Amino acid sequence: MSDKLLCEVDSEGVATVTLNRPEIHNAFDDELIHELATTFDTLAQNPAVRVLVLASNGKSFSAGADLNWMKRMATYSEEENRRDAAALAAMLYKLDTFPAPTIARVQGAAFGGAVGLVSCCDMAVASERASFCLSEVKIGLLPATISPYVINAIGTRRARRYFVTAERFSAERAEQMGLISEVCAEGELDLHVQKLVNAIADNGPKAVAMAKQLAMSMSNRVINDELQGQTSALIAAVRVSPEGQEGLSAFLEKRAPKWMNGGEG
């Protein structure tokens, strides 16, 4: 891993992945995209990881595509551009489907593809000075690879506006649209991220991972007999699992479950 990307997993199972190119506003290129994809794969296979925090150093969260990378792309053939874009799409998918909960820590501007990174996270906390822009059409391009995730985050109607206007919008507006979970003062950003981390850590580790998958798999499903059967079977299996039994016992016995004391129950 180069110094463009930092990764640390603490004793509580919190993995912090940090974009580290503050001198160019954490713009990303094909090398950084590859490093992010590899890092997400490695962390996804680590059972100790309970939360992933995506952060960045410096004034900006990320300016999107690196200028030098864009210069190279301009000389690529359509097939070369297809392969290049596929690598970005694959990295975004790895983040979107990461098995543990993910939190974006957004301290400053997030432009272009950076909005995609934020959209792929389960939740996002932004400084009140953060701003956002889907800027691709300004240079005759499209937010294509990030579009499924951005639309999931803010909805089709809002995407139809911001995809075509490339307006810059505030953290408060991003919160109203659902892109950001909460906005706070810049000096309180870490505190708010830590509150979310603590809330997740209080819950059953296996249940948390399954609950994330549940929310994703049940989205836009037709509620019919088959779906009712699937959800009933799921909760029945979880109730008799070791973690489910420990959680129920702890609740009935009015004590903390074992996973809050360093075990998994």
C-alpha atoms as a PDB file:
ATOM      1  CA  MET A   1       0.000   0.000   0.000  1.00  0.00           C
ATOM      2  CA  SER A   2       1.310   3.454  -0.897  1.00  0.00           C
ATOM      3  CA  ASP A   3       1.088   6.533   1.291  1.00  0.00           C
ATOM      4  CA  LYS A   4      -1.977   7.610  -0.721  1.00  0.00           C
ATOM      5  CA  LEU A   5      -4.125   5.429   1.533  1.00  0.00           C
ATOM      6  CA  LEU A   6      -3.881   4.657   5.237  1.00  0.00           C
ATOM      7  CA  CYS A   7      -5.584   1.775   7.015  1.00  0.00           C
ATOM      8  CA  GLU A   8      -5.770   0.965  10.703  1.00  0.00           C
ATOM      9  CA  VAL A   9      -7.827  -1.541  12.698  1.00  0.00           C
ATOM     10  CA  ASP A  10      -8.043  -0.769  16.411  1.00  0.00           C
ATOM     11  CA  SER A  11      -8.577  -3.129  19.340  1.00  0.00           C
ATOM     12  CA  GLU A  12     -12.349  -2.567  19.193  1.00  0.00           C
ATOM     13  CA  GLY A  13     -12.594  -3.760  15.612  1.00  0.00           C
ATOM     14  CA  VAL A  14     -12.982  -0.300  14.064  1.00  0.00           C
ATOM     15  CA  ALA A  15     -11.226  -0.146  10.700  1.00  0.00           C
ATOM     16  CA  THR A  16     -10.387   3.372   9.563  1.00  0.00           C
ATOM     17  CA  VAL A  17      -9.511   3.778   5.887  1.00  0.00           C
ATOM     18  CA  THR A  18      -8.128   7.249   5.181  1.00  0.00           C
ATOM     19  CA  LEU A  19      -7.556   8.973   1.856  1.00  0.00           C
ATOM     20  CA  ASN A  20      -4.180  10.650   2.291  1.00  0.00           C
ATOM     21  CA  ARG A  21      -3.561  13.040  -0.595  1.00  0.00           C
ATOM     22  CA  PRO A  22      -4.419  16.353   1.099  1.00  0.00           C
ATOM     23  CA  GLU A  23      -2.113  18.307  -1.208  1.00  0.00           C
ATOM     24  CA  ILE A  24      -4.484  17.566  -4.130  1.00  0.00           C
ATOM     25  CA  HIS A  25      -7.703  17.469  -2.080  1.00  0.00           C
ATOM     26  CA  ASN A  26      -7.672  13.660  -1.910  1.00  0.00           C
ATOM     27  CA  ALA A  27      -8.423  13.280  -5.600  1.00  0.00           C
ATOM     28  CA  PHE A  28      -8.249   9.650  -6.670  1.00  0.00           C
ATOM     29  CA  ASP A  29      -6.674   7.898  -9.616  1.00  0.00           C
ATOM     30  CA  ASP A  30      -6.485   4.332 -10.905  1.00  0.00           C
ATOM     31  CA  GLU A  31      -3.780   3.430  -8.378  1.00  0.00           C
ATOM     32  CA  LEU A  32      -5.794   4.677  -5.405  1.00  0.00           C
ATOM     33  CA  ILE A  33      -8.934   2.963  -6.729  1.00  0.00           C
ATOM     34  CA  HIS A  34      -6.991  -0.315  -6.858  1.00  0.00           C
ATOM     35  CA  GLU A  35      -5.683   0.215  -3.326  1.00  0.00           C
ATOM     36  CA  LEU A  36      -9.176   0.954  -2.021  1.00  0.00           C
ATOM     37  CA  ALA A  37     -10.571  -2.180  -3.668  1.00  0.00           C
ATOM     38  CA  THR A  38      -7.772  -4.339  -2.267  1.00  0.00           C
ATOM     39  CA  THR A  39      -8.165  -2.816   1.191  1.00  0.00           C
ATOM     40  CA  PHE A  40     -11.934  -3.379   1.233  1.00  0.00           C
ATOM     41  CA  ASP A  41     -11.381  -7.011   0.203  1.00  0.00           C
ATOM     42  CA  THR A  42      -8.800  -7.554   2.950  1.00  0.00           C
ATOM     43  CA  LEU A  43     -10.922  -5.947   5.656  1.00  0.00           C
ATOM     44  CA  ALA A  44     -14.044  -7.821   4.528  1.00  0.00           C
ATOM     45  CA  GLN A  45     -12.210 -11.094   5.207  1.00  0.00           C
ATOM     46  CA  ASN A  46     -11.145 -10.006   8.702  1.00  0.00           C
ATOM     47  CA  PRO A  47     -13.724 -11.276  11.251  1.00  0.00           C
ATOM     48  CA  ALA A  48     -12.418  -8.824  13.853  1.00  0.00           C
ATOM     49  CA  VAL A  49     -13.669  -5.812  11.850  1.00  0.00           C
ATOM     50  CA  ARG A  50     -17.009  -4.611  13.193  1.00  0.00           C
ATOM     51  CA  VAL A  51     -17.182  -1.139  11.634  1.00  0.00           C
ATOM     52  CA  LEU A  52     -15.451   0.572   8.719  1.00  0.00           C
ATOM     53  CA  VAL A  53     -14.926   4.345   8.821  1.00  0.00           C
ATOM     54  CA  LEU A  54     -14.025   6.005   5.523  1.00  0.00           C
ATOM     55  CA  ALA A  55     -12.193   9.270   6.154  1.00  0.00           C
ATOM     56  CA  SER A  56      -9.651  11.605   4.586  1.00  0.00           C
ATOM     57  CA  ASN A  57      -6.905  13.944   5.673  1.00  0.00           C
ATOM     58  CA  GLY A  58      -6.780  17.653   4.966  1.00  0.00           C
ATOM     59  CA  LYS A  59      -9.296  20.323   4.038  1.00  0.00           C
ATOM     60  CA  SER A  60     -11.359  18.321   1.532  1.00  0.00           C
ATOM     61  CA  PHE A  61     -12.960  14.900   1.722  1.00  0.00           C
ATOM     62  CA  SER A  62     -12.192  14.312  -1.957  1.00  0.00           C
ATOM     63  CA  ALA A  63     -12.200  16.363  -5.135  1.00  0.00           C
ATOM     64  CA  GLY A  64     -13.102  13.307  -7.209  1.00  0.00           C
ATOM     65  CA  ALA A  65     -10.929  12.316 -10.164  1.00  0.00           C
ATOM     66  CA  ASP A  66      -7.256  13.302 -10.186  1.00  0.00           C
ATOM     67  CA  LEU A  67      -6.323  15.697 -12.993  1.00  0.00           C
ATOM     68  CA  ASN A  68      -3.405  13.597 -14.244  1.00  0.00           C
ATOM     69  CA  TRP A  69      -5.620  10.504 -14.313  1.00  0.00           C
ATOM     70  CA  MET A  70      -8.176  12.445 -16.351  1.00  0.00           C
ATOM     71  CA  LYS A  71      -5.450  13.469 -18.796  1.00  0.00           C
ATOM     72  CA  ARG A  72      -4.552   9.816 -19.303  1.00  0.00           C
ATOM     73  CA  MET A  73      -8.204   8.837 -19.719  1.00  0.00           C
ATOM     74  CA  ALA A  74      -8.568  11.432 -22.470  1.00  0.00           C
ATOM     75  CA  THR A  75      -6.071   9.482 -24.586  1.00  0.00           C
ATOM     76  CA  TYR A  76      -7.591   6.038 -23.932  1.00  0.00           C
ATOM     77  CA  SER A  77      -9.612   4.120 -26.496  1.00  0.00           C
ATOM     78  CA  GLU A  78     -13.226   3.296 -25.693  1.00  0.00           C
ATOM     79  CA  GLU A  79     -12.213  -0.223 -24.659  1.00  0.00           C
ATOM     80  CA  GLU A  80      -9.436   1.094 -22.410  1.00  0.00           C
ATOM     81  CA  ASN A  81     -11.916   3.534 -20.867  1.00  0.00           C
ATOM     82  CA  ARG A  82     -14.339   0.668 -20.313  1.00  0.00           C
ATOM     83  CA  ARG A  83     -11.733  -1.310 -18.365  1.00  0.00           C
ATOM     84  CA  ASP A  84     -10.744   1.794 -16.406  1.00  0.00           C
ATOM     85  CA  ALA A  85     -14.354   2.563 -15.470  1.00  0.00           C
ATOM     86  CA  ALA A  86     -15.011  -1.078 -14.569  1.00  0.00           C
ATOM     87  CA  ALA A  87     -12.281  -0.914 -11.919  1.00  0.00           C
ATOM     88  CA  LEU A  88     -13.994   2.088 -10.314  1.00  0.00           C
ATOM     89  CA  ALA A  89     -17.386   0.377 -10.500  1.00  0.00           C
ATOM     90  CA  ALA A  90     -15.980  -2.754  -8.860  1.00  0.00           C
ATOM     91  CA  MET A  91     -14.405  -0.753  -6.020  1.00  0.00           C
ATOM     92  CA  LEU A  92     -17.676   1.066  -5.334  1.00  0.00           C
ATOM     93  CA  TYR A  93     -19.531  -2.250  -5.251  1.00  0.00           C
ATOM     94  CA  LYS A  94     -17.063  -3.660  -2.712  1.00  0.00           C
ATOM     95  CA  LEU A  95     -17.709  -0.666  -0.452  1.00  0.00           C
ATOM     96  CA  ASP A  96     -21.478  -0.795  -0.941  1.00  0.00           C
ATOM     97  CA  THR A  97     -21.627  -4.505  -0.071  1.00  0.00           C
ATOM     98  CA  PHE A  98     -19.006  -4.460   2.695  1.00  0.00           C
ATOM     99  CA  PRO A  99     -20.202  -6.963   5.328  1.00  0.00           C
ATOM    100  CA  ALA A 100     -19.832  -4.657   8.343  1.00  0.00           C
ATOM    101  CA  PRO A 101     -21.518  -1.257   8.781  1.00  0.00           C
ATOM    102  CA  THR A 102     -19.727   1.621   7.055  1.00  0.00           C
ATOM    103  CA  ILE A 103     -19.543   5.279   8.073  1.00  0.00           C
ATOM    104  CA  ALA A 104     -18.299   8.139   5.898  1.00  0.00           C
ATOM    105  CA  ARG A 105     -16.563  10.910   7.826  1.00  0.00           C
ATOM    106  CA  VAL A 106     -16.907  13.979   5.608  1.00  0.00           C
ATOM    107  CA  GLN A 107     -14.975  17.016   6.839  1.00  0.00           C
ATOM    108  CA  GLY A 108     -14.975  19.073   3.638  1.00  0.00           C
ATOM    109  CA  ALA A 109     -15.834  19.199  -0.051  1.00  0.00           C
ATOM    110  CA  ALA A 110     -16.885  15.982  -1.803  1.00  0.00           C
ATOM    111  CA  PHE A 111     -17.103  16.313  -5.571  1.00  0.00           C
ATOM    112  CA  GLY A 112     -17.871  13.918  -8.418  1.00  0.00           C
ATOM    113  CA  GLY A 113     -16.894  10.354  -7.613  1.00  0.00           C
ATOM    114  CA  ALA A 114     -16.468  11.268  -3.949  1.00  0.00           C
ATOM    115  CA  VAL A 115     -20.247  11.630  -3.714  1.00  0.00           C
ATOM    116  CA  GLY A 116     -20.349   8.023  -4.864  1.00  0.00           C
ATOM    117  CA  LEU A 117     -18.061   6.969  -2.016  1.00  0.00           C
ATOM    118  CA  VAL A 118     -20.320   8.695   0.495  1.00  0.00           C
ATOM    119  CA  SER A 119     -23.424   7.152  -1.106  1.00  0.00           C
ATOM    120  CA  CYS A 120     -21.962   3.649  -0.810  1.00  0.00           C
ATOM    121  CA  CYS A 121     -21.578   3.969   2.959  1.00  0.00           C
ATOM    122  CA  ASP A 122     -24.415   2.941   5.273  1.00  0.00           C
ATOM    123  CA  MET A 123     -24.305   6.264   7.071  1.00  0.00           C
ATOM    124  CA  ALA A 124     -22.381   9.517   6.817  1.00  0.00           C
ATOM    125  CA  VAL A 125     -21.512  12.303   9.228  1.00  0.00           C
ATOM    126  CA  ALA A 126     -20.526  15.649   7.738  1.00  0.00           C
ATOM    127  CA  SER A 127     -19.014  18.834   9.084  1.00  0.00           C
ATOM    128  CA  GLU A 128     -21.223  21.862   8.639  1.00  0.00           C
ATOM    129  CA  ARG A 129     -18.592  23.275   6.267  1.00  0.00           C
ATOM    130  CA  ALA A 130     -18.746  20.242   3.971  1.00  0.00           C
ATOM    131  CA  SER A 131     -20.200  20.705   0.497  1.00  0.00           C
ATOM    132  CA  PHE A 132     -21.122  18.408  -2.363  1.00  0.00           C
ATOM    133  CA  CYS A 133     -21.313  18.517  -6.135  1.00  0.00           C
ATOM    134  CA  LEU A 134     -22.088  16.018  -8.860  1.00  0.00           C
ATOM    135  CA  SER A 135     -19.850  17.952 -11.189  1.00  0.00           C
ATOM    136  CA  GLU A 136     -19.360  15.588 -14.128  1.00  0.00           C
ATOM    137  CA  VAL A 137     -21.582  17.363 -16.682  1.00  0.00           C
ATOM    138  CA  LYS A 138     -19.542  20.543 -16.247  1.00  0.00           C
ATOM    139  CA  ILE A 139     -16.830  18.895 -18.325  1.00  0.00           C
ATOM    140  CA  GLY A 140     -19.156  16.962 -20.622  1.00  0.00           C
ATOM    141  CA  LEU A 141     -19.060  13.682 -18.681  1.00  0.00           C
ATOM    142  CA  LEU A 142     -21.572  11.641 -16.669  1.00  0.00           C
ATOM    143  CA  PRO A 143     -21.756  10.362 -13.072  1.00  0.00           C
ATOM    144  CA  ALA A 144     -22.332   6.926 -14.577  1.00  0.00           C
ATOM    145  CA  THR A 145     -20.557   4.428 -12.309  1.00  0.00           C
ATOM    146  CA  ILE A 146     -21.680   6.179  -9.129  1.00  0.00           C
ATOM    147  CA  SER A 147     -25.268   6.720 -10.314  1.00  0.00           C
ATOM    148  CA  PRO A 148     -26.893   3.575  -8.818  1.00  0.00           C
ATOM    149  CA  TYR A 149     -25.540   4.393  -5.367  1.00  0.00           C
ATOM    150  CA  VAL A 150     -26.315   8.115  -5.506  1.00  0.00           C
ATOM    151  CA  ILE A 151     -29.871   7.421  -6.670  1.00  0.00           C
ATOM    152  CA  ASN A 152     -30.304   4.916  -3.823  1.00  0.00           C
ATOM    153  CA  ALA A 153     -29.139   7.601  -1.405  1.00  0.00           C
ATOM    154  CA  ILE A 154     -31.045  10.674  -2.605  1.00  0.00           C
ATOM    155  CA  GLY A 155     -33.826   9.341  -4.850  1.00  0.00           C
ATOM    156  CA  THR A 156     -34.492   9.585  -8.560  1.00  0.00           C
ATOM    157  CA  ARG A 157     -36.149  13.009  -8.601  1.00  0.00           C
ATOM    158  CA  ARG A 158     -33.284  14.722  -6.804  1.00  0.00           C
ATOM    159  CA  ALA A 159     -30.728  12.877  -8.912  1.00  0.00           C
ATOM    160  CA  ARG A 160     -32.473  14.163 -12.040  1.00  0.00           C
ATOM    161  CA  ARG A 161     -31.830  17.675 -10.786  1.00  0.00           C
ATOM    162  CA  TYR A 162     -28.296  17.451  -9.467  1.00  0.00           C
ATOM    163  CA  PHE A 163     -27.001  15.202 -12.239  1.00  0.00           C
ATOM    164  CA  VAL A 164     -27.904  17.825 -14.833  1.00  0.00           C
ATOM    165  CA  THR A 165     -27.336  21.101 -12.961  1.00  0.00           C
ATOM    166  CA  ALA A 166     -24.025  20.228 -11.254  1.00  0.00           C
ATOM    167  CA  GLU A 167     -25.066  22.623  -8.482  1.00  0.00           C
ATOM    168  CA  ARG A 168     -22.948  22.717  -5.379  1.00  0.00           C
ATOM    169  CA  PHE A 169     -25.016  22.006  -2.271  1.00  0.00           C
ATOM    170  CA  SER A 170     -24.421  22.272   1.456  1.00  0.00           C
ATOM    171  CA  ALA A 171     -24.149  19.640   4.148  1.00  0.00           C
ATOM    172  CA  GLU A 172     -27.550  20.720   5.441  1.00  0.00           C
ATOM    173  CA  ARG A 173     -29.086  20.161   2.015  1.00  0.00           C
ATOM    174  CA  ALA A 174     -27.303  16.811   1.755  1.00  0.00           C
ATOM    175  CA  GLU A 175     -28.853  15.810   5.075  1.00  0.00           C
ATOM    176  CA  GLN A 176     -32.316  16.821   3.881  1.00  0.00           C
ATOM    177  CA  MET A 177     -31.861  14.639   0.794  1.00  0.00           C
ATOM    178  CA  GLY A 178     -30.617  11.603   2.731  1.00  0.00           C
ATOM    179  CA  LEU A 179     -27.034  11.640   1.460  1.00  0.00           C
ATOM    180  CA  ILE A 180     -25.780  12.609   4.926  1.00  0.00           C
ATOM    181  CA  SER A 181     -27.089  11.082   8.157  1.00  0.00           C
ATOM    182  CA  GLU A 182     -26.221  14.035  10.353  1.00  0.00           C
ATOM    183  CA  VAL A 183     -24.392  17.364  10.265  1.00  0.00           C
ATOM    184  CA  CYS A 184     -22.305  18.728  13.112  1.00  0.00           C
ATOM    185  CA  ALA A 185     -19.758  21.391  13.951  1.00  0.00           C
ATOM    186  CA  GLU A 186     -16.333  20.665  12.503  1.00  0.00           C
ATOM    187  CA  GLY A 187     -14.795  20.183  15.928  1.00  0.00           C
ATOM    188  CA  GLU A 188     -17.451  17.597  16.860  1.00  0.00           C
ATOM    189  CA  LEU A 189     -17.072  15.378  13.803  1.00  0.00           C
ATOM    190  CA  ASP A 190     -15.069  12.644  15.512  1.00  0.00           C
ATOM    191  CA  LEU A 191     -17.417  12.687  18.493  1.00  0.00           C
ATOM    192  CA  HIS A 192     -20.460  12.070  16.283  1.00  0.00           C
ATOM    193  CA  VAL A 193     -18.712   9.313  14.349  1.00  0.00           C
ATOM    194  CA  GLN A 194     -17.705   7.684  17.633  1.00  0.00           C
ATOM    195  CA  LYS A 195     -21.307   7.776  18.880  1.00  0.00           C
ATOM    196  CA  LEU A 196     -22.374   5.752  15.856  1.00  0.00           C
ATOM    197  CA  VAL A 197     -19.467   3.355  16.353  1.00  0.00           C
ATOM    198  CA  ASN A 198     -20.440   2.897  20.014  1.00  0.00           C
ATOM    199  CA  ALA A 199     -24.078   2.297  19.123  1.00  0.00           C
ATOM    200  CA  ILE A 200     -23.084  -0.442  16.681  1.00  0.00           C
ATOM    201  CA  ALA A 201     -20.613  -1.996  19.148  1.00  0.00           C
ATOM    202  CA  ASP A 202     -23.391  -2.446  21.732  1.00  0.00           C
ATOM    203  CA  ASN A 203     -25.229  -4.840  19.418  1.00  0.00           C
ATOM    204  CA  GLY A 204     -24.771  -8.476  18.491  1.00  0.00           C
ATOM    205  CA  PRO A 205     -21.915  -8.727  15.957  1.00  0.00           C
ATOM    206  CA  LYS A 206     -23.556 -11.377  13.781  1.00  0.00           C
ATOM    207  CA  ALA A 207     -26.960  -9.707  14.075  1.00  0.00           C
ATOM    208  CA  VAL A 208     -25.491  -6.384  12.910  1.00  0.00           C
ATOM    209  CA  ALA A 209     -23.991  -7.944   9.791  1.00  0.00           C
ATOM    210  CA  MET A 210     -27.222  -9.809   9.056  1.00  0.00           C
ATOM    211  CA  ALA A 211     -29.336  -6.702   9.697  1.00  0.00           C
ATOM    212  CA  LYS A 212     -27.330  -4.757   7.101  1.00  0.00           C
ATOM    213  CA  GLN A 213     -27.878  -7.520   4.557  1.00  0.00           C
ATOM    214  CA  LEU A 214     -31.555  -7.655   5.511  1.00  0.00           C
ATOM    215  CA  ALA A 215     -32.073  -3.972   4.751  1.00  0.00           C
ATOM    216  CA  MET A 216     -30.392  -4.361   1.368  1.00  0.00           C
ATOM    217  CA  SER A 217     -32.134  -7.568   0.359  1.00  0.00           C
ATOM    218  CA  MET A 218     -35.622  -6.405   1.374  1.00  0.00           C
ATOM    219  CA  SER A 219     -35.485  -3.103  -0.483  1.00  0.00           C
ATOM    220  CA  ASN A 220     -38.307  -2.749  -3.034  1.00  0.00           C
ATOM    221  CA  ARG A 221     -39.483  -6.344  -2.539  1.00  0.00           C
ATOM    222  CA  VAL A 222     -43.126  -7.252  -3.080  1.00  0.00           C
ATOM    223  CA  ILE A 223     -44.707  -8.284   0.228  1.00  0.00           C
ATOM    224  CA  ASN A 224     -46.308 -11.637  -0.522  1.00  0.00           C
ATOM    225  CA  ASP A 225     -46.561 -15.114   1.010  1.00  0.00           C
ATOM    226  CA  GLU A 226     -43.084 -16.055  -0.199  1.00  0.00           C
ATOM    227  CA  LEU A 227     -41.474 -13.002   1.389  1.00  0.00           C
ATOM    228  CA  GLN A 228     -43.358 -13.522   4.649  1.00  0.00           C
ATOM    229  CA  GLY A 229     -42.095 -17.095   4.702  1.00  0.00           C
ATOM    230  CA  GLN A 230     -38.513 -15.997   4.104  1.00  0.00           C
ATOM    231  CA  THR A 231     -38.544 -13.401   6.869  1.00  0.00           C
ATOM    232  CA  SER A 232     -40.258 -15.769   9.317  1.00  0.00           C
ATOM    233  CA  ALA A 233     -37.660 -18.464   8.644  1.00  0.00           C
ATOM    234  CA  LEU A 234     -34.859 -15.927   9.075  1.00  0.00           C
ATOM    235  CA  ILE A 235     -35.951 -14.694  12.495  1.00  0.00           C
ATOM    236  CA  ALA A 236     -36.639 -18.255  13.651  1.00  0.00           C
ATOM    237  CA  ALA A 237     -33.098 -19.293  12.750  1.00  0.00           C
ATOM    238  CA  VAL A 238     -31.608 -16.245  14.459  1.00  0.00           C
ATOM    239  CA  ARG A 239     -33.623 -16.817  17.645  1.00  0.00           C
ATOM    240  CA  VAL A 240     -32.119 -20.266  18.144  1.00  0.00           C
ATOM    241  CA  SER A 241     -28.577 -19.241  17.175  1.00  0.00           C
ATOM    242  CA  PRO A 242     -25.939 -18.912  19.938  1.00  0.00           C
ATOM    243  CA  GLU A 243     -25.908 -15.122  19.630  1.00  0.00           C
ATOM    244  CA  GLY A 244     -29.684 -14.906  19.591  1.00  0.00           C
ATOM    245  CA  GLN A 245     -29.958 -17.136  22.658  1.00  0.00           C
ATOM    246  CA  GLU A 246     -27.354 -15.076  24.502  1.00  0.00           C
ATOM    247  CA  GLY A 247     -29.108 -11.833  23.607  1.00  0.00           C
ATOM    248  CA  LEU A 248     -32.507 -13.090  24.728  1.00  0.00           C
ATOM    249  CA  SER A 249     -31.077 -14.522  27.942  1.00  0.00           C
ATOM    250  CA  ALA A 250     -29.266 -11.281  28.746  1.00  0.00           C
ATOM    251  CA  PHE A 251     -32.419  -9.270  28.145  1.00  0.00           C
ATOM    252  CA  LEU A 252     -34.570 -11.524  30.335  1.00  0.00           C
ATOM    253  CA  GLU A 253     -31.912 -11.687  33.049  1.00  0.00           C
ATOM    254  CA  LYS A 254     -31.403  -7.903  32.901  1.00  0.00           C
ATOM    255  CA  ARG A 255     -27.661  -8.104  32.276  1.00  0.00           C
ATOM    256  CA  ALA A 256     -25.302  -7.026  29.526  1.00  0.00           C
ATOM    257  CA  PRO A 257     -24.760  -9.601  26.766  1.00  0.00           C
ATOM    258  CA  LYS A 258     -21.341 -11.224  26.565  1.00  0.00           C
ATOM    259  CA  TRP A 259     -20.376  -9.408  23.388  1.00  0.00           C
ATOM    260  CA  MET A 260     -20.353  -6.148  25.329  1.00  0.00           C
ATOM    261  CA  ASN A 261     -17.613  -7.623  27.510  1.00  0.00           C
ATOM    262  CA  GLY A 262     -15.326  -8.637  24.670  1.00  0.00           C
ATOM    263  CA  GLY A 263     -17.018 -11.924  23.741  1.00  0.00           C
ATOM    264  CA  GLU A 264     -19.548 -12.798  21.051  1.00  0.00           C
ATOM    265  CA  GLY A 265     -21.990 -14.724  23.188  1.00  0.00           C
END
